[in-house]
């Protein structure tokens, strides 16, 4: 197989997006468009990727990092001019170079591979990725001769009435013999109404030199979408969402309402998981078999164990064990580690805390910067008081402890194994194992005081 290279065109400012964010960094299902393109094209086995960026594009470089080399297009002088900026990095290399736009996030690795294979099999100097458009208006048409060979690409404004009837369109993605590409670019002129250098002119130049130019027609027109405004961005989001949801459903995941379920591309979901409407699962999340997620839950960068149920809750950057029940309305913040069989109930917040196997925090509690053992019961309204305004401190609750309702555990503090904390206590010192700790004021009843208080309030009025 020939060596393969890629040039990603990402220099456009995207004025129609009406945004301060660089166009190709606008996300589709949580990942920037250009990242989708880079990951899919790299999957076909490339020697090198060059991303052509524009002035002020440091954030693109920062995001892609070492996954790509970069070339700068200081002035926006057309697609041909953009490719010329990669000449220093690629011109002497033998092999095949694909040129793809950074705002086409829906093209799959399978399509890229099929394009490469067609190009190399045909022995072409250039191959155009084309598609059959239901409505080709606005697209450049691919014109073929009687032998079905590619003759040229004609733009909408330049097409004759007969050519306007052609439904095969240029997607803007090409494969080239690398040396032929940079050789032909030297002959590209900007003698046109826009004063720009067009990459499509390379096709005509190669044809004039009697070089072979072919086309590969992709089977799925939806992949051709180029995102130039917020409307197209929403369309790309919808298409990718449908693609990802269908993939999971065909692999044994029950998604009750796919139109209202959002799963990002890097999520792994095992079979027999059930996902209810309004759920968002993102990042590098892994959902193990038989889990139930939702409705209206958000999971990001979490591992969720088998047979776990998460209802109407948010979980981020955490590990959640098997047979755990979470919610409704719980918040699992970063660095939580929830053990098997645990229960996190309604209006409970867990942050940077370890909760042991079988432990329960059933409602209305905050457990932060804590290490909680196994089979611990934490009553309603309990708070691990972890912050003194400057530093965070650890609360340790050992196995089999019982924390009564409305308790404040002032960290750093340890609650010993099997001990009890009485309801309403404020604990400032360690509690030994198997002890009962009561830390609250003694109750005092003042007979008849309520009536005197009411009379006093009436006199003030």
Protein backbone atom coordinates (compact mmCIF):
# COMPACT_ATOMS: atom_id res chain seq x y z
CA UNK A 1 0.00 0.00 0.00
CA UNK A 2 1.21 3.49 -0.83
CA UNK A 3 2.07 5.91 1.94
CA UNK A 4 -0.82 8.16 2.83
CA UNK A 5 -0.94 11.79 3.93
CA UNK A 6 -3.69 14.27 4.77
CA UNK A 7 -4.18 18.01 4.50
CA UNK A 8 -7.03 19.40 6.60
CA UNK A 9 -8.23 22.84 5.53
CA UNK A 10 -9.08 24.75 8.70
CA UNK A 11 -8.09 28.36 8.01
CA UNK A 12 -11.53 29.84 7.38
CA UNK A 13 -12.77 32.34 9.96
CA UNK A 14 -16.40 31.28 9.51
CA UNK A 15 -18.00 34.72 9.52
CA UNK A 16 -21.44 33.22 8.96
CA UNK A 17 -21.19 31.48 12.33
CA UNK A 18 -21.28 34.97 13.91
CA UNK A 19 -19.07 33.76 16.73
CA UNK A 20 -15.84 34.62 18.50
CA UNK A 21 -15.01 30.91 18.46
CA UNK A 22 -12.90 29.72 15.51
CA UNK A 23 -15.29 27.96 13.10
CA UNK A 24 -13.77 24.47 13.10
CA UNK A 25 -13.75 24.44 16.92
CA UNK A 26 -17.53 24.59 17.14
CA UNK A 27 -18.56 21.28 18.70
CA UNK A 28 -20.75 18.57 17.24
CA UNK A 29 -21.92 16.26 20.03
CA UNK A 30 -19.33 17.69 22.36
CA UNK A 31 -16.30 17.43 20.09
CA UNK A 32 -14.93 20.18 17.78
CA UNK A 33 -15.64 19.62 14.08
CA UNK A 34 -11.97 19.53 13.15
CA UNK A 35 -11.35 16.89 15.82
CA UNK A 36 -13.97 14.65 14.22
CA UNK A 37 -12.28 15.07 10.84
CA UNK A 38 -8.80 14.41 12.22
CA UNK A 39 -9.80 11.27 14.12
CA UNK A 40 -11.71 9.76 11.23
CA UNK A 41 -9.04 10.41 8.59
CA UNK A 42 -6.21 9.22 10.85
CA UNK A 43 -8.02 5.91 11.28
CA UNK A 44 -7.12 4.91 7.69
CA UNK A 45 -3.39 4.80 8.51
CA UNK A 46 -1.56 8.02 7.68
CA UNK A 47 2.11 8.87 7.72
CA UNK A 48 1.47 12.53 8.41
CA UNK A 49 -1.34 15.07 8.84
CA UNK A 50 -0.97 18.76 8.08
CA UNK A 51 -3.70 21.13 9.26
CA UNK A 52 -3.78 24.48 7.47
CA UNK A 53 -4.81 27.18 9.92
CA UNK A 54 -5.36 30.91 9.70
CA UNK A 55 -4.12 33.90 11.62
CA UNK A 56 -5.10 33.82 15.29
CA UNK A 57 -5.72 30.08 15.28
CA UNK A 58 -3.61 29.17 18.31
CA UNK A 59 -6.58 27.45 19.89
CA UNK A 60 -6.80 25.02 16.96
CA UNK A 61 -3.13 24.13 17.41
CA UNK A 62 -3.60 23.84 21.15
CA UNK A 63 -6.57 21.52 20.71
CA UNK A 64 -5.07 19.19 18.10
CA UNK A 65 -1.63 19.22 19.68
CA UNK A 66 0.80 16.58 18.50
CA UNK A 67 -1.81 14.78 16.41
CA UNK A 68 -1.07 17.11 13.49
CA UNK A 69 1.56 19.35 12.01
CA UNK A 70 0.48 22.86 11.05
CA UNK A 71 0.85 25.28 8.15
CA UNK A 72 -0.23 28.90 8.32
CA UNK A 73 -2.36 30.58 5.65
CA UNK A 74 -1.92 34.23 6.54
CA UNK A 75 -4.31 35.49 3.83
CA UNK A 76 -7.51 33.77 2.76
CA UNK A 77 -6.79 33.37 -0.95
CA UNK A 78 -8.74 30.23 -1.75
CA UNK A 79 -8.54 26.48 -1.25
CA UNK A 80 -5.68 26.04 -3.71
CA UNK A 81 -3.67 28.67 -1.88
CA UNK A 82 -4.42 26.93 1.42
CA UNK A 83 -3.02 23.61 0.13
CA UNK A 84 0.07 25.43 -1.17
CA UNK A 85 0.94 26.30 2.45
CA UNK A 86 1.56 22.60 3.15
CA UNK A 87 4.12 22.36 0.34
CA UNK A 88 7.17 22.71 2.56
CA UNK A 89 6.05 19.77 4.70
CA UNK A 90 4.81 17.39 1.99
CA UNK A 91 6.01 18.27 -1.52
CA UNK A 92 8.85 15.71 -1.83
CA UNK A 93 6.94 12.77 -0.41
CA UNK A 94 5.86 9.77 -2.47
CA UNK A 95 2.31 8.57 -1.98
CA UNK A 96 -1.30 9.66 -1.81
CA UNK A 97 -2.55 12.85 -0.15
CA UNK A 98 -6.14 13.43 0.83
CA UNK A 99 -7.42 17.00 1.10
CA UNK A 100 -10.44 17.44 3.33
CA UNK A 101 -12.19 20.43 4.88
CA UNK A 102 -12.15 20.84 8.65
CA UNK A 103 -15.84 21.76 8.71
CA UNK A 104 -17.08 18.39 7.38
CA UNK A 105 -17.45 16.42 10.63
CA UNK A 106 -19.79 13.72 9.29
CA UNK A 107 -17.43 11.96 6.86
CA UNK A 108 -16.57 8.56 8.30
CA UNK A 109 -13.34 6.60 8.32
CA UNK A 110 -15.07 4.01 6.11
CA UNK A 111 -15.68 6.63 3.43
CA UNK A 112 -12.10 7.89 3.65
CA UNK A 113 -10.79 4.33 3.31
CA UNK A 114 -13.03 3.63 0.30
CA UNK A 115 -11.84 6.84 -1.36
CA UNK A 116 -8.18 5.91 -0.85
CA UNK A 117 -8.73 2.38 -2.12
CA UNK A 118 -10.59 3.59 -5.24
CA UNK A 119 -7.88 6.16 -5.99
CA UNK A 120 -5.03 3.67 -5.61
CA UNK A 121 -6.83 0.89 -7.50
CA UNK A 122 -7.58 3.19 -10.45
CA UNK A 123 -4.03 4.54 -10.55
CA UNK A 124 -5.40 8.07 -10.76
CA UNK A 125 -3.49 11.27 -10.25
CA UNK A 126 -6.61 12.78 -8.69
CA UNK A 127 -9.86 11.35 -7.38
CA UNK A 128 -12.87 13.47 -6.45
CA UNK A 129 -15.16 12.37 -3.63
CA UNK A 130 -18.64 12.90 -5.06
CA UNK A 131 -22.22 12.25 -4.00
CA UNK A 132 -25.65 12.10 -5.56
CA UNK A 133 -27.55 15.11 -4.19
CA UNK A 134 -31.35 15.06 -3.83
CA UNK A 135 -31.21 18.81 -4.49
CA UNK A 136 -27.86 19.78 -6.08
CA UNK A 137 -28.56 23.53 -6.08
CA UNK A 138 -25.50 25.48 -4.92
CA UNK A 139 -23.02 22.65 -5.37
CA UNK A 140 -20.31 22.29 -7.96
CA UNK A 141 -21.33 19.64 -10.53
CA UNK A 142 -19.07 16.79 -11.64
CA UNK A 143 -19.29 16.54 -15.42
CA UNK A 144 -18.50 13.20 -17.05
CA UNK A 145 -18.03 12.28 -20.74
CA UNK A 146 -19.69 9.51 -22.70
CA UNK A 147 -17.18 7.00 -21.33
CA UNK A 148 -18.23 8.03 -17.80
CA UNK A 149 -14.84 9.62 -17.21
CA UNK A 150 -14.55 12.84 -15.22
CA UNK A 151 -14.17 15.83 -17.51
CA UNK A 152 -14.32 18.77 -15.11
CA UNK A 153 -16.01 20.37 -12.13
CA UNK A 154 -18.34 23.27 -12.94
CA UNK A 155 -19.68 25.65 -10.30
CA UNK A 156 -23.37 26.45 -10.02
CA UNK A 157 -22.98 30.01 -11.34
CA UNK A 158 -21.01 28.82 -14.37
CA UNK A 159 -23.13 25.78 -15.27
CA UNK A 160 -25.22 25.56 -18.42
CA UNK A 161 -28.92 24.59 -18.16
CA UNK A 162 -27.96 21.04 -19.14
CA UNK A 163 -25.17 20.89 -16.56
CA UNK A 164 -27.53 22.15 -13.87
CA UNK A 165 -29.54 18.93 -14.30
CA UNK A 166 -26.54 16.87 -13.14
CA UNK A 167 -27.05 15.56 -9.60
CA UNK A 168 -23.49 14.35 -8.95
CA UNK A 169 -21.80 16.98 -6.82
CA UNK A 170 -18.29 17.76 -5.65
CA UNK A 171 -18.02 17.27 -1.86
CA UNK A 172 -14.77 19.25 -1.58
CA UNK A 173 -12.70 16.20 -0.59
CA UNK A 174 -10.01 14.88 -2.95
CA UNK A 175 -7.26 12.30 -3.18
CA UNK A 176 -4.13 13.21 -5.14
CA UNK A 177 -0.84 11.72 -6.12
CA UNK A 178 1.19 13.89 -3.78
CA UNK A 179 3.85 15.05 -6.26
CA UNK A 180 1.26 15.57 -9.00
CA UNK A 181 -0.75 17.77 -6.62
CA UNK A 182 2.07 20.18 -5.80
CA UNK A 183 3.29 20.18 -9.38
CA UNK A 184 -0.15 21.20 -10.66
CA UNK A 185 -0.60 23.82 -7.96
CA UNK A 186 2.27 25.79 -9.52
CA UNK A 187 0.08 26.28 -12.60
CA UNK A 188 -3.05 27.37 -10.73
CA UNK A 189 -3.96 30.99 -11.45
CA UNK A 190 -6.04 33.49 -9.51
CA UNK A 191 -7.35 35.06 -12.71
CA UNK A 192 -11.01 34.90 -11.71
CA UNK A 193 -13.70 37.16 -10.27
CA UNK A 194 -12.70 36.35 -6.69
CA UNK A 195 -8.96 36.69 -7.22
CA UNK A 196 -8.45 33.34 -5.50
CA UNK A 197 -6.56 30.11 -6.19
CA UNK A 198 -9.03 27.24 -6.48
CA UNK A 199 -8.09 23.65 -5.69
CA UNK A 200 -10.64 22.47 -8.24
CA UNK A 201 -8.47 24.02 -10.99
CA UNK A 202 -5.95 21.24 -10.31
CA UNK A 203 -8.43 18.78 -11.85
CA UNK A 204 -8.52 20.69 -15.13
CA UNK A 205 -4.72 21.12 -15.16
CA UNK A 206 -4.19 17.38 -14.69
CA UNK A 207 -6.73 16.62 -17.43
CA UNK A 208 -4.88 18.95 -19.82
CA UNK A 209 -1.74 16.94 -19.11
CA UNK A 210 -3.66 13.75 -20.01
CA UNK A 211 -3.40 12.50 -16.44
CA UNK A 212 -6.09 10.19 -15.14
CA UNK A 213 -8.77 11.81 -12.97
CA UNK A 214 -11.48 9.66 -11.42
CA UNK A 215 -14.33 10.02 -8.95
CA UNK A 216 -15.64 7.91 -6.10
CA UNK A 217 -19.33 8.38 -5.31
CA UNK A 218 -20.01 8.00 -1.60
CA UNK A 219 -23.18 6.08 -0.72
CA UNK A 220 -24.45 8.39 2.03
CA UNK A 221 -25.17 11.97 1.03
CA UNK A 222 -25.60 13.05 4.66
CA UNK A 223 -21.85 12.78 5.17
CA UNK A 224 -21.17 15.60 2.72
CA UNK A 225 -22.52 18.35 4.95
CA UNK A 226 -20.17 21.30 5.36
CA UNK A 227 -20.94 23.47 8.37
CA UNK A 228 -20.94 27.18 7.54
CA UNK A 229 -23.58 28.53 9.94
CA UNK A 230 -25.52 27.63 13.07
CA UNK A 231 -28.32 26.02 11.06
CA UNK A 232 -25.91 23.57 9.45
CA UNK A 233 -24.24 23.01 12.83
CA UNK A 234 -27.56 21.91 14.31
CA UNK A 235 -28.16 19.68 11.29
CA UNK A 236 -24.74 18.05 11.76
CA UNK A 237 -25.50 17.50 15.44
CA UNK A 238 -28.81 15.84 14.61
CA UNK A 239 -27.30 13.59 11.94
CA UNK A 240 -24.42 12.46 14.13
CA UNK A 241 -26.73 11.90 17.09
CA UNK A 242 -28.94 9.64 14.97
CA UNK A 243 -25.90 7.74 13.64
CA UNK A 244 -24.46 7.12 17.12
CA UNK A 245 -27.80 6.15 18.67
CA UNK A 246 -28.51 3.69 15.87
CA UNK A 247 -25.05 2.15 16.36
CA UNK A 248 -25.75 1.51 20.05
CA UNK A 249 -29.26 0.22 19.47
CA UNK A 250 -28.00 -2.28 16.90
CA UNK A 251 -25.51 -3.45 19.53
CA UNK A 252 -28.14 -4.27 22.12
CA UNK A 253 -28.81 -0.96 23.89
CA UNK A 254 -32.41 0.12 24.46
CA UNK A 255 -32.80 3.84 23.81
CA UNK A 256 -36.41 4.64 24.60
CA UNK A 257 -36.54 7.96 22.73
CA UNK A 258 -33.55 8.37 20.35
CA UNK A 259 -34.63 11.86 19.31
CA UNK A 260 -34.14 13.08 22.87
CA UNK A 261 -31.04 11.13 23.88
CA UNK A 262 -27.53 12.53 23.33
CA UNK A 263 -24.54 10.18 23.33
CA UNK A 264 -21.12 11.51 22.42
CA UNK A 265 -18.81 9.58 20.05
CA UNK A 266 -16.31 8.13 22.55
CA UNK A 267 -18.89 6.61 24.90
CA UNK A 268 -18.86 2.81 25.36
CA UNK A 269 -22.19 1.16 26.23
CA UNK A 270 -22.58 -2.57 26.84
CA UNK A 271 -25.61 -4.67 25.95
CA UNK A 272 -28.97 -4.56 27.72
CA UNK A 273 -28.46 -1.04 29.01
CA UNK A 274 -31.68 1.01 29.03
CA UNK A 275 -31.48 4.75 28.41
CA UNK A 276 -34.52 6.93 29.06
CA UNK A 277 -35.34 10.29 27.39
CA UNK A 278 -33.50 13.49 28.18
CA UNK A 279 -30.24 11.72 28.95
CA UNK A 280 -26.81 13.04 27.93
CA UNK A 281 -23.80 10.70 28.10
CA UNK A 282 -20.44 12.17 27.15
CA UNK A 283 -16.69 12.13 27.38
CA UNK A 284 -15.02 8.74 27.85
CA UNK A 285 -17.93 7.26 29.77
CA UNK A 286 -18.38 3.50 30.02
CA UNK A 287 -21.82 2.11 30.87
CA UNK A 288 -21.76 -1.57 31.88
CA UNK A 289 -24.47 -4.09 31.01
CA UNK A 290 -27.99 -3.93 32.44
CA UNK A 291 -27.56 -0.40 33.78
CA UNK A 292 -30.55 1.95 33.64
CA UNK A 293 -29.81 5.60 32.92
CA UNK A 294 -32.36 8.41 33.07
CA UNK A 295 -34.71 9.94 32.44
CA UNK A 296 -33.08 13.38 32.40
CA UNK A 297 -29.63 12.34 33.59
CA UNK A 298 -26.22 13.68 32.56
CA UNK A 299 -23.16 11.41 32.72
CA UNK A 300 -19.71 12.69 31.73
CA UNK A 301 -16.41 10.80 31.94
CA UNK A 302 -17.81 8.18 34.29
CA UNK A 303 -17.60 4.42 34.56
CA UNK A 304 -20.98 3.05 35.59
CA UNK A 305 -21.18 -0.55 36.81
CA UNK A 306 -23.58 -3.28 35.78
CA UNK A 307 -27.17 -3.19 37.08
CA UNK A 308 -26.73 0.37 38.36
CA UNK A 309 -29.66 2.79 38.16
CA UNK A 310 -29.18 6.56 37.77
CA UNK A 311 -32.37 8.65 37.68
CA UNK A 312 -32.65 12.41 37.09
CA UNK A 313 -29.09 12.99 38.27
CA UNK A 314 -25.71 14.40 37.19
CA UNK A 315 -22.40 12.50 37.46
CA UNK A 316 -18.98 13.76 36.32
CA UNK A 317 -15.45 12.31 36.28
CA UNK A 318 -16.26 9.52 38.72
CA UNK A 319 -16.40 5.75 39.15
CA UNK A 320 -19.72 4.23 40.08
CA UNK A 321 -19.88 0.55 41.01
CA UNK A 322 -22.34 -2.24 40.27
CA UNK A 323 -25.89 -2.39 41.66
CA UNK A 324 -25.75 1.24 42.79
CA UNK A 325 -28.91 3.34 43.02
CA UNK A 326 -28.51 7.06 42.40
CA UNK A 327 -31.18 9.74 42.45
CA UNK A 328 -33.49 11.25 41.75
CA UNK A 329 -31.80 14.66 41.80
CA UNK A 330 -28.35 13.62 43.04
CA UNK A 331 -25.07 15.26 42.02
CA UNK A 332 -21.93 13.14 41.74
CA UNK A 333 -19.07 15.61 41.35
CA UNK A 334 -15.51 14.83 40.16
CA UNK A 335 -13.33 12.20 41.83
CA UNK A 336 -16.12 10.30 43.53
CA UNK A 337 -15.75 6.53 43.89
CA UNK A 338 -19.04 4.83 44.69
CA UNK A 339 -18.77 1.20 45.81
CA UNK A 340 -20.96 -1.73 44.76
CA UNK A 341 -24.48 -1.80 46.17
CA UNK A 342 -24.34 1.75 47.50
CA UNK A 343 -27.30 4.14 47.51
CA UNK A 344 -27.18 7.87 46.77
CA UNK A 345 -30.66 9.35 47.23
CA UNK A 346 -32.46 12.54 46.34
CA UNK A 347 -30.71 15.88 46.79
CA UNK A 348 -27.41 14.31 47.80
CA UNK A 349 -24.09 15.79 46.62
CA UNK A 350 -20.92 13.68 46.57
CA UNK A 351 -17.55 15.33 45.82
CA UNK A 352 -14.06 13.79 45.88
CA UNK A 353 -15.33 11.10 48.19
CA UNK A 354 -15.08 7.34 48.44
CA UNK A 355 -18.23 5.50 49.45
CA UNK A 356 -17.77 1.86 50.43
CA UNK A 357 -19.80 -1.17 49.44
CA UNK A 358 -23.40 -1.16 50.64
CA UNK A 359 -23.23 2.32 52.21
CA UNK A 360 -26.18 4.68 52.01
CA UNK A 361 -26.63 8.44 51.80
CA UNK A 362 -30.34 8.51 51.23
CA UNK A 363 -31.27 12.18 51.10
CA UNK A 364 -30.40 15.84 51.57
CA UNK A 365 -26.71 15.49 52.43
CA UNK A 366 -23.30 16.77 51.33
CA UNK A 367 -20.38 14.34 51.45
CA UNK A 368 -17.19 16.00 50.24
CA UNK A 369 -13.51 15.16 50.75
CA UNK A 370 -14.47 12.01 52.61
CA UNK A 371 -13.55 8.36 52.93
CA UNK A 372 -16.62 6.36 53.87
CA UNK A 373 -16.32 2.64 54.62
CA UNK A 374 -18.70 -0.23 53.92
CA UNK A 375 -22.27 -0.56 55.25
CA UNK A 376 -22.33 2.97 56.61
CA UNK A 377 -25.68 4.73 56.99
CA UNK A 378 -25.59 8.51 56.69
CA UNK A 379 -28.79 10.21 57.81
CA UNK A 380 -30.71 13.04 56.22
CA UNK A 381 -29.11 16.47 56.35
CA UNK A 382 -25.59 15.30 57.18
CA UNK A 383 -22.67 17.49 56.11
CA UNK A 384 -18.97 16.76 56.05
CA UNK A 385 -17.69 20.23 56.85
CA UNK A 386 -14.54 20.09 54.76
CA UNK A 387 -13.53 23.73 54.10
CA UNK A 388 -12.24 26.37 56.49
CA UNK A 389 -12.10 29.12 53.86
CA UNK A 390 -8.57 28.26 52.78
CA UNK A 391 -7.95 24.50 52.96
CA UNK A 392 -9.94 21.31 52.44
CA UNK A 393 -9.82 18.52 55.05
CA UNK A 394 -10.71 14.81 55.07
CA UNK A 395 -13.57 13.17 56.95
CA UNK A 396 -13.13 9.42 57.59
CA UNK A 397 -16.15 7.27 58.44
CA UNK A 398 -15.21 3.67 59.11
CA UNK A 399 -17.20 0.51 58.34
CA UNK A 400 -20.66 -0.05 59.90
CA UNK A 401 -20.92 3.45 61.41
CA UNK A 402 -24.30 5.15 61.74
CA UNK A 403 -24.58 8.91 61.33
CA UNK A 404 -27.80 10.42 62.65
CA UNK A 405 -29.80 13.08 60.81
CA UNK A 406 -28.63 16.71 60.68
CA UNK A 407 -25.10 15.95 61.83
CA UNK A 408 -22.12 18.20 61.06
CA UNK A 409 -18.79 16.38 60.87
CA UNK A 410 -16.09 19.04 61.20
CA UNK A 411 -13.04 17.81 59.29
CA UNK A 412 -10.42 16.59 59.86
CA UNK A 413 -12.24 14.00 61.90
CA UNK A 414 -12.61 10.19 62.07
CA UNK A 415 -15.78 8.33 63.00
CA UNK A 416 -14.71 4.91 64.25
CA UNK A 417 -15.93 1.49 63.13
CA UNK A 418 -19.41 0.58 64.29
CA UNK A 419 -19.92 3.85 66.15
CA UNK A 420 -23.06 5.98 66.37
CA UNK A 421 -23.41 9.73 66.01
CA UNK A 422 -26.60 11.05 67.54
CA UNK A 423 -28.94 13.12 65.38
CA UNK A 424 -28.28 16.85 65.45
CA UNK A 425 -24.67 16.50 66.62
CA UNK A 426 -21.77 18.70 65.59
CA UNK A 427 -18.70 16.48 65.78
CA UNK A 428 -15.33 18.21 66.21
CA UNK A 429 -13.30 15.35 67.72
CA UNK A 430 -12.64 11.77 66.64
CA UNK A 431 -15.25 9.22 67.69
CA UNK A 432 -13.81 5.87 68.92
CA UNK A 433 -15.02 2.58 67.45
CA UNK A 434 -18.26 1.21 68.92
CA UNK A 435 -18.99 4.52 70.72
CA UNK A 436 -22.05 6.75 70.84
CA UNK A 437 -21.25 10.41 70.32
CA UNK A 438 -23.72 13.11 71.31
CA UNK A 439 -22.66 16.69 70.61
CA UNK A 440 -25.64 19.00 71.02
CA UNK A 441 -27.01 21.40 73.62
CA UNK A 442 -29.21 19.96 76.38
CA UNK A 443 -32.91 20.60 75.72
CA UNK A 444 -34.58 23.17 78.00
CA UNK A 445 -38.39 23.71 78.12
CA UNK A 446 -39.74 27.04 79.47
CA UNK A 447 -43.38 26.54 80.53
CA UNK A 448 -45.78 29.27 79.38
CA UNK A 449 -43.11 31.19 77.51
CA UNK A 450 -44.88 30.91 74.14
CA UNK A 451 -47.92 32.91 75.34
CA UNK A 452 -45.77 35.64 76.88
CA UNK A 453 -43.83 35.92 73.62
CA UNK A 454 -47.02 36.24 71.55
CA UNK A 455 -48.36 38.99 73.85
CA UNK A 456 -45.09 40.88 73.62
CA UNK A 457 -45.23 40.79 69.82
CA UNK A 458 -48.83 42.13 69.86
CA UNK A 459 -47.78 45.06 72.07
CA UNK A 460 -45.03 45.98 69.56
CA UNK A 461 -47.60 46.22 66.77
